[in-house]
Amino acid sequence: MFSRIARPTLFIANRSLTTSSQNNAKVAVLGASGGIGQPLSLLLKNSPLVGELSLFDIAHTPGVAADLSHIETRAHVTGYMGPDQLNAALKGCDVVVIPAGVPRKPGMTRDDLFNTNATIVATLADAVARNCPEAMICIIANPVNSTIPITSEVMKKYGVYNPNRVFGVTTLDIVRANAFVAELKGLDPARVNVPVIGGHAGKTIIPLISQATPKVEFPADQLSALTARIQDAGTEVVKAKAGAGSATLSMAYAGARFTFSVLDAMNGKEGVVECAYVRSEETECKYFSTPLLLGKHGIEKNLGLGKLSAFEENLVADAIGELKGSIKKGEDFVANMN
């Protein structure tokens, strides 16, 4: 069984989910009872970076919080349930992670989720703007290509928008790219890093295999198939679950990895880089995912697209139109809200 000596290193791979530094950050998970929210909350409870874990959902949160509170780690867990308790859940939070919303089912695109999830995200962003406007906001709820513009526009309405603190969590695309490249090349996936830029749906997901470390090369047909697999990996899971949900465990892992990177940077760790979908001047799209250097106050520097291969330049060109449409859809949603 588990050795008590080994317990503090109960973590995943050797990425930023493993950390020895301590902080007392208060982290909220909005949507904590769901398929992503529960395993994400478990991973956050295991981190020494988290002092307080505030769990919110419309149902079942007291049970999830009670269950997690029995784990022998330092984070204090509190559960909040229903709209009347949302404000209390957010008071004093340093980081807010939002996996709330409905999952994809077979045959659905992320955009099919728009009407339901747009309303959910707008409501939660409104509460964040009123209760913890300085918090780092990490949006997992799909379609991320639209929910980030929604969050940004809601924050603007309150005059508290800070583009350096609002992130669309695209980390699962990077995690998948790392895993798939490692599998094809027989590498340790924990040592592979593939930047993924653009957005977080279909052809807007642009893996930069030419910038991977360690350097890897693939024949054109294999590169095309690998790119398509990374872009369609979410659908691969939706089909495999056969109506029982979408990617939850891998998304929880990716969400935790990104959250820990944000917390590490807030805690003064230098050189923390993650890709995320953010307000951007790097392309003609208002929002675009690129590698970001994180710091104590969020984005310290946007590291941009870097040198692209001709294949990758074509992928970017193909993605721009869809991204612009998704961004406008999110902005229009907020503009037309009552």
Protein backbone atom coordinates (compact mmCIF):
# COMPACT_ATOMS: atom_id res chain seq x y z
CA MET A 1 0.00 0.00 0.00
CA PHE A 2 0.98 3.66 -0.03
CA SER A 3 4.01 4.54 2.02
CA ARG A 4 3.47 7.59 4.22
CA ILE A 5 6.96 8.70 3.29
CA ALA A 6 5.97 8.68 -0.37
CA ARG A 7 2.63 10.45 0.14
CA PRO A 8 3.74 14.06 -0.57
CA THR A 9 4.89 13.02 -4.05
CA LEU A 10 1.58 11.41 -5.01
CA PHE A 11 1.56 13.11 -8.36
CA ILE A 12 1.54 12.72 -12.07
CA ALA A 13 4.61 12.48 -14.31
CA ASN A 14 7.32 15.06 -13.75
CA ARG A 15 5.56 18.09 -15.11
CA SER A 16 4.17 20.99 -13.14
CA LEU A 17 1.59 18.77 -11.45
CA THR A 18 4.48 17.90 -9.16
CA THR A 19 5.54 20.78 -6.98
CA SER A 20 7.18 21.09 -3.60
CA SER A 21 6.75 24.82 -2.99
CA GLN A 22 3.84 25.89 -0.79
CA ASN A 23 1.33 28.65 -1.11
CA ASN A 24 -2.01 29.44 0.48
CA ALA A 25 -3.96 30.22 -2.67
CA LYS A 26 -7.73 30.06 -2.61
CA VAL A 27 -8.96 28.26 -5.70
CA ALA A 28 -12.59 27.97 -6.78
CA VAL A 29 -13.90 25.24 -9.08
CA LEU A 30 -17.23 26.22 -10.65
CA GLY A 31 -18.88 23.04 -11.88
CA ALA A 32 -17.18 20.92 -9.23
CA SER A 33 -19.72 18.08 -9.21
CA GLY A 34 -19.42 17.25 -12.89
CA GLY A 35 -17.39 14.75 -14.86
CA ILE A 36 -14.42 17.12 -15.14
CA GLY A 37 -15.04 19.00 -11.90
CA GLN A 38 -14.73 16.04 -9.54
CA PRO A 39 -11.37 14.64 -10.74
CA LEU A 40 -10.07 18.20 -11.19
CA SER A 41 -11.01 19.00 -7.60
CA LEU A 42 -9.28 15.81 -6.45
CA LEU A 43 -6.04 16.83 -8.18
CA LEU A 44 -6.25 20.34 -6.73
CA LYS A 45 -6.85 18.92 -3.24
CA ASN A 46 -3.60 16.99 -3.61
CA SER A 47 -1.52 20.10 -4.32
CA PRO A 48 0.52 21.92 -1.65
CA LEU A 49 -0.04 25.09 -3.69
CA VAL A 50 -3.72 25.16 -2.69
CA GLY A 51 -4.64 26.39 0.79
CA GLU A 52 -8.40 26.66 0.29
CA LEU A 53 -10.54 24.83 -2.25
CA SER A 54 -13.96 26.34 -2.86
CA LEU A 55 -16.31 24.02 -4.76
CA PHE A 56 -19.48 25.26 -6.44
CA ASP A 57 -22.17 23.57 -8.50
CA ILE A 58 -25.95 23.52 -8.83
CA ALA A 59 -26.19 20.07 -7.18
CA HIS A 60 -24.24 17.52 -5.10
CA THR A 61 -21.43 19.87 -4.03
CA PRO A 62 -21.74 19.28 -0.26
CA GLY A 63 -21.16 15.57 -0.86
CA VAL A 64 -18.18 16.12 -3.13
CA ALA A 65 -16.69 18.55 -0.61
CA ALA A 66 -17.26 16.15 2.32
CA ASP A 67 -15.65 13.31 0.37
CA LEU A 68 -12.58 15.36 -0.57
CA SER A 69 -12.26 16.83 2.93
CA HIS A 70 -11.33 13.38 4.27
CA ILE A 71 -8.13 13.33 2.19
CA GLU A 72 -4.99 13.86 4.28
CA THR A 73 -3.71 16.95 2.46
CA ARG A 74 -3.63 20.54 3.67
CA ALA A 75 -6.18 22.24 1.41
CA HIS A 76 -9.35 23.16 3.30
CA VAL A 77 -12.43 22.22 1.23
CA THR A 78 -15.81 23.96 1.32
CA GLY A 79 -18.82 23.10 -0.82
CA TYR A 80 -21.39 25.61 -2.08
CA MET A 81 -24.60 24.67 -3.89
CA GLY A 82 -27.07 26.68 -5.94
CA PRO A 83 -27.20 30.27 -7.19
CA ASP A 84 -27.74 31.69 -3.69
CA GLN A 85 -24.31 30.44 -2.60
CA LEU A 86 -22.32 31.43 -5.71
CA ASN A 87 -21.18 34.80 -4.33
CA ALA A 88 -19.94 33.19 -1.12
CA ALA A 89 -18.03 30.56 -3.10
CA LEU A 90 -16.07 33.25 -4.91
CA LYS A 91 -15.18 35.64 -2.07
CA GLY A 92 -11.43 36.09 -1.80
CA CYS A 93 -10.51 33.65 -4.57
CA ASP A 94 -7.10 33.96 -6.24
CA VAL A 95 -7.86 31.55 -9.09
CA VAL A 96 -11.24 30.52 -10.53
CA VAL A 97 -11.42 27.42 -12.74
CA ILE A 98 -14.63 26.93 -14.70
CA PRO A 99 -15.36 23.43 -16.07
CA ALA A 100 -19.14 24.03 -15.70
CA GLY A 101 -21.48 23.29 -18.58
CA VAL A 102 -22.92 20.38 -20.53
CA PRO A 103 -20.61 17.82 -22.18
CA ARG A 104 -20.59 16.83 -25.82
CA LYS A 105 -22.50 13.77 -26.97
CA PRO A 106 -21.89 11.75 -30.16
CA GLY A 107 -22.62 13.79 -33.26
CA MET A 108 -22.30 17.12 -31.45
CA THR A 109 -19.65 19.70 -32.19
CA ARG A 110 -18.31 21.99 -29.46
CA ASP A 111 -20.31 24.75 -31.13
CA ASP A 112 -23.54 22.78 -30.56
CA LEU A 113 -22.96 23.42 -26.85
CA PHE A 114 -23.02 27.16 -27.37
CA ASN A 115 -26.53 28.16 -26.31
CA THR A 116 -26.47 26.26 -23.01
CA ASN A 117 -22.86 26.86 -22.04
CA ALA A 118 -22.76 30.50 -23.15
CA THR A 119 -25.46 31.35 -20.61
CA ILE A 120 -23.73 29.35 -17.87
CA VAL A 121 -20.34 30.97 -18.48
CA ALA A 122 -21.82 34.48 -18.71
CA THR A 123 -23.61 33.98 -15.38
CA LEU A 124 -20.47 32.68 -13.67
CA ALA A 125 -18.26 35.41 -15.19
CA ASP A 126 -20.73 38.01 -13.88
CA ALA A 127 -20.31 36.59 -10.37
CA VAL A 128 -16.52 36.56 -10.68
CA ALA A 129 -16.55 40.21 -11.82
CA ARG A 130 -18.56 41.17 -8.72
CA ASN A 131 -16.81 39.03 -6.11
CA CYS A 132 -13.17 38.44 -7.10
CA PRO A 133 -12.36 40.64 -10.12
CA GLU A 134 -8.60 40.30 -9.57
CA ALA A 135 -8.65 36.50 -9.78
CA MET A 136 -7.01 34.50 -12.54
CA ILE A 137 -9.87 33.01 -14.58
CA CYS A 138 -9.29 29.65 -16.27
CA ILE A 139 -12.13 28.67 -18.61
CA ILE A 140 -12.54 25.01 -19.53
CA ALA A 141 -16.23 25.22 -20.55
CA ASN A 142 -16.69 24.72 -24.28
CA PRO A 143 -16.79 26.16 -26.86
CA VAL A 144 -13.64 27.87 -25.50
CA ASN A 145 -13.26 29.79 -28.78
CA SER A 146 -16.46 31.64 -27.80
CA THR A 147 -16.57 31.38 -24.00
CA ILE A 148 -13.37 33.41 -23.60
CA PRO A 149 -14.81 36.36 -25.59
CA ILE A 150 -18.00 35.98 -23.49
CA THR A 151 -16.02 36.11 -20.23
CA SER A 152 -14.00 39.09 -21.45
CA GLU A 153 -17.07 41.07 -22.51
CA VAL A 154 -18.84 40.41 -19.20
CA MET A 155 -15.75 41.59 -17.27
CA LYS A 156 -15.64 44.72 -19.45
CA LYS A 157 -19.23 45.56 -18.47
CA TYR A 158 -18.04 45.84 -14.87
CA GLY A 159 -14.89 47.74 -15.81
CA VAL A 160 -12.67 44.99 -14.34
CA TYR A 161 -11.36 43.26 -17.48
CA ASN A 162 -7.67 42.42 -17.37
CA PRO A 163 -6.63 40.46 -20.47
CA ASN A 164 -3.57 39.13 -18.66
CA ARG A 165 -5.78 37.21 -16.22
CA VAL A 166 -8.36 35.52 -18.50
CA PHE A 167 -7.30 32.16 -19.98
CA GLY A 168 -8.96 29.63 -22.23
CA VAL A 169 -7.54 26.30 -21.10
CA THR A 170 -6.30 24.54 -24.24
CA THR A 171 -3.80 22.41 -22.32
CA LEU A 172 -5.51 19.15 -23.24
CA ASP A 173 -4.47 19.74 -26.87
CA ILE A 174 -0.84 19.99 -25.76
CA VAL A 175 -1.16 16.96 -23.49
CA ARG A 176 -2.63 14.92 -26.35
CA ALA A 177 0.00 16.10 -28.82
CA ASN A 178 2.74 15.14 -26.36
CA ALA A 179 1.20 11.70 -25.79
CA PHE A 180 0.61 10.96 -29.48
CA VAL A 181 4.07 12.10 -30.61
CA ALA A 182 5.72 10.11 -27.82
CA GLU A 183 3.71 7.03 -28.81
CA LEU A 184 4.77 7.28 -32.46
CA LYS A 185 8.43 7.91 -31.66
CA GLY A 186 8.84 5.64 -28.62
CA LEU A 187 9.67 8.57 -26.34
CA ASP A 188 8.87 9.28 -22.70
CA PRO A 189 5.75 11.52 -23.01
CA ALA A 190 6.74 13.42 -19.87
CA ARG A 191 9.79 14.70 -21.76
CA VAL A 192 7.97 15.69 -24.96
CA ASN A 193 6.67 19.23 -25.47
CA VAL A 194 4.60 20.16 -28.52
CA PRO A 195 3.26 23.73 -28.64
CA VAL A 196 -0.34 23.92 -29.87
CA ILE A 197 -1.65 27.26 -31.08
CA GLY A 198 -4.86 28.72 -32.52
CA GLY A 199 -8.07 27.72 -30.81
CA HIS A 200 -9.68 24.75 -29.11
CA ALA A 201 -11.95 23.14 -31.69
CA GLY A 202 -11.36 21.09 -34.83
CA LYS A 203 -9.21 22.78 -37.43
CA THR A 204 -8.48 25.75 -35.12
CA ILE A 205 -6.26 23.36 -33.10
CA ILE A 206 -2.80 23.76 -34.66
CA PRO A 207 -0.03 21.52 -33.29
CA LEU A 208 3.43 22.87 -34.08
CA ILE A 209 5.25 19.60 -34.60
CA SER A 210 8.17 21.52 -36.17
CA GLN A 211 8.77 23.20 -32.78
CA ALA A 212 8.50 20.03 -30.69
CA THR A 213 11.20 19.17 -28.17
CA PRO A 214 12.96 16.88 -28.57
CA LYS A 215 13.01 17.53 -32.32
CA VAL A 216 10.96 15.01 -34.29
CA GLU A 217 10.21 14.56 -37.96
CA PHE A 218 7.44 12.71 -39.78
CA PRO A 219 6.75 11.95 -43.45
CA ALA A 220 4.07 14.23 -44.92
CA ASP A 221 1.30 11.62 -44.81
CA GLN A 222 2.04 10.67 -41.20
CA LEU A 223 2.28 14.34 -40.17
CA SER A 224 -1.12 15.01 -41.75
CA ALA A 225 -2.68 12.01 -39.98
CA LEU A 226 -1.10 12.97 -36.64
CA THR A 227 -2.36 16.54 -36.94
CA ALA A 228 -5.86 15.31 -37.75
CA ARG A 229 -5.81 12.95 -34.76
CA ILE A 230 -4.81 15.77 -32.39
CA GLN A 231 -7.54 18.00 -33.84
CA ASP A 232 -10.20 15.28 -33.56
CA ALA A 233 -9.04 13.65 -30.32
CA GLY A 234 -12.01 14.96 -28.37
CA THR A 235 -14.39 13.29 -30.82
CA GLU A 236 -12.35 10.09 -30.48
CA VAL A 237 -13.19 10.03 -26.76
CA VAL A 238 -16.84 11.05 -27.27
CA LYS A 239 -17.30 8.13 -29.69
CA ALA A 240 -15.46 5.67 -27.43
CA LYS A 241 -17.69 6.63 -24.48
CA ALA A 242 -20.72 5.96 -26.70
CA GLY A 243 -23.01 8.60 -25.25
CA ALA A 244 -21.67 8.42 -21.71
CA GLY A 245 -19.82 11.74 -21.92
CA SER A 246 -16.74 13.41 -23.32
CA ALA A 247 -13.12 13.72 -22.21
CA THR A 248 -13.28 14.18 -18.43
CA LEU A 249 -10.25 12.51 -16.85
CA SER A 250 -7.69 13.78 -19.35
CA MET A 251 -9.34 17.22 -19.24
CA ALA A 252 -9.15 17.23 -15.45
CA TYR A 253 -5.44 16.36 -15.68
CA ALA A 254 -4.86 19.13 -18.24
CA GLY A 255 -6.90 21.65 -16.22
CA ALA A 256 -4.92 20.83 -13.10
CA ARG A 257 -1.63 21.12 -14.96
CA PHE A 258 -2.57 24.58 -16.21
CA THR A 259 -3.86 25.71 -12.82
CA PHE A 260 -0.66 24.58 -11.11
CA SER A 261 1.41 26.48 -13.67
CA VAL A 262 -0.61 29.64 -12.96
CA LEU A 263 -0.17 29.12 -9.20
CA ASP A 264 3.56 28.40 -9.55
CA ALA A 265 4.01 31.64 -11.51
CA MET A 266 1.92 33.61 -8.99
CA ASN A 267 4.15 32.14 -6.31
CA GLY A 268 7.26 33.58 -7.98
CA LYS A 269 8.52 30.61 -9.96
CA GLU A 270 10.33 31.82 -13.08
CA GLY A 271 10.23 30.43 -16.60
CA VAL A 272 6.69 28.99 -16.42
CA VAL A 273 5.37 28.63 -19.98
CA GLU A 274 1.97 27.29 -21.03
CA CYS A 275 -0.12 27.67 -24.16
CA ALA A 276 -3.57 29.22 -23.64
CA TYR A 277 -6.29 30.96 -25.64
CA VAL A 278 -6.12 34.64 -24.70
CA ARG A 279 -6.59 38.20 -25.98
CA SER A 280 -3.90 38.52 -28.58
CA GLU A 281 -2.23 40.77 -31.12
CA GLU A 282 -0.28 37.91 -32.70
CA THR A 283 -2.68 37.38 -35.63
CA GLU A 284 -5.70 39.14 -37.10
CA CYS A 285 -7.90 37.28 -34.57
CA LYS A 286 -8.67 39.12 -31.32
CA TYR A 287 -8.11 35.88 -29.38
CA PHE A 288 -5.52 33.25 -30.21
CA SER A 289 -3.63 30.57 -28.33
CA THR A 290 0.16 30.75 -28.23
CA PRO A 291 2.87 29.90 -25.68
CA LEU A 292 2.75 32.38 -22.80
CA LEU A 293 5.32 33.23 -20.17
CA LEU A 294 3.35 33.38 -16.92
CA GLY A 295 4.18 35.61 -13.97
CA LYS A 296 2.82 36.86 -10.66
CA HIS A 297 0.14 38.92 -12.39
CA GLY A 298 -0.85 36.51 -15.15
CA ILE A 299 0.58 36.80 -18.63
CA GLU A 300 4.07 38.27 -18.42
CA LYS A 301 4.87 37.89 -22.12
CA ASN A 302 3.15 36.43 -25.16
CA LEU A 303 5.84 34.33 -26.85
CA GLY A 304 4.01 34.35 -30.18
CA LEU A 305 3.80 31.78 -32.96
CA GLY A 306 7.52 31.28 -33.52
CA LYS A 307 8.87 30.01 -36.83
CA LEU A 308 6.25 27.94 -38.64
CA SER A 309 6.69 25.34 -41.35
CA ALA A 310 4.80 25.83 -44.62
CA PHE A 311 2.36 23.09 -43.50
CA GLU A 312 1.69 24.94 -40.23
CA GLU A 313 1.31 28.31 -41.98
CA ASN A 314 -1.47 26.74 -44.06
CA LEU A 315 -3.14 25.39 -40.92
CA VAL A 316 -3.14 28.88 -39.40
CA ALA A 317 -4.60 30.41 -42.56
CA ASP A 318 -7.36 27.77 -42.61
CA ALA A 319 -8.26 28.42 -38.96
CA ILE A 320 -8.63 32.21 -39.03
CA GLY A 321 -12.11 32.37 -40.55
CA GLU A 322 -13.64 29.89 -38.11
CA LEU A 323 -11.94 31.55 -35.15
CA LYS A 324 -13.22 34.99 -36.13
CA GLY A 325 -16.74 33.62 -36.41
CA SER A 326 -16.58 31.97 -32.98
CA ILE A 327 -15.19 35.14 -31.41
CA LYS A 328 -17.93 37.31 -32.93
CA LYS A 329 -20.58 34.82 -31.80
CA GLY A 330 -19.37 35.15 -28.19
CA GLU A 331 -19.16 38.95 -28.33
CA ASP A 332 -22.62 39.22 -29.91
CA PHE A 333 -24.08 36.95 -27.22
CA VAL A 334 -23.02 39.36 -24.47
CA ALA A 335 -24.04 42.42 -26.47
CA ASN A 336 -27.56 40.99 -26.82
CA MET A 337 -27.94 39.87 -23.20
CA ASN A 338 -30.75 41.41 -21.17
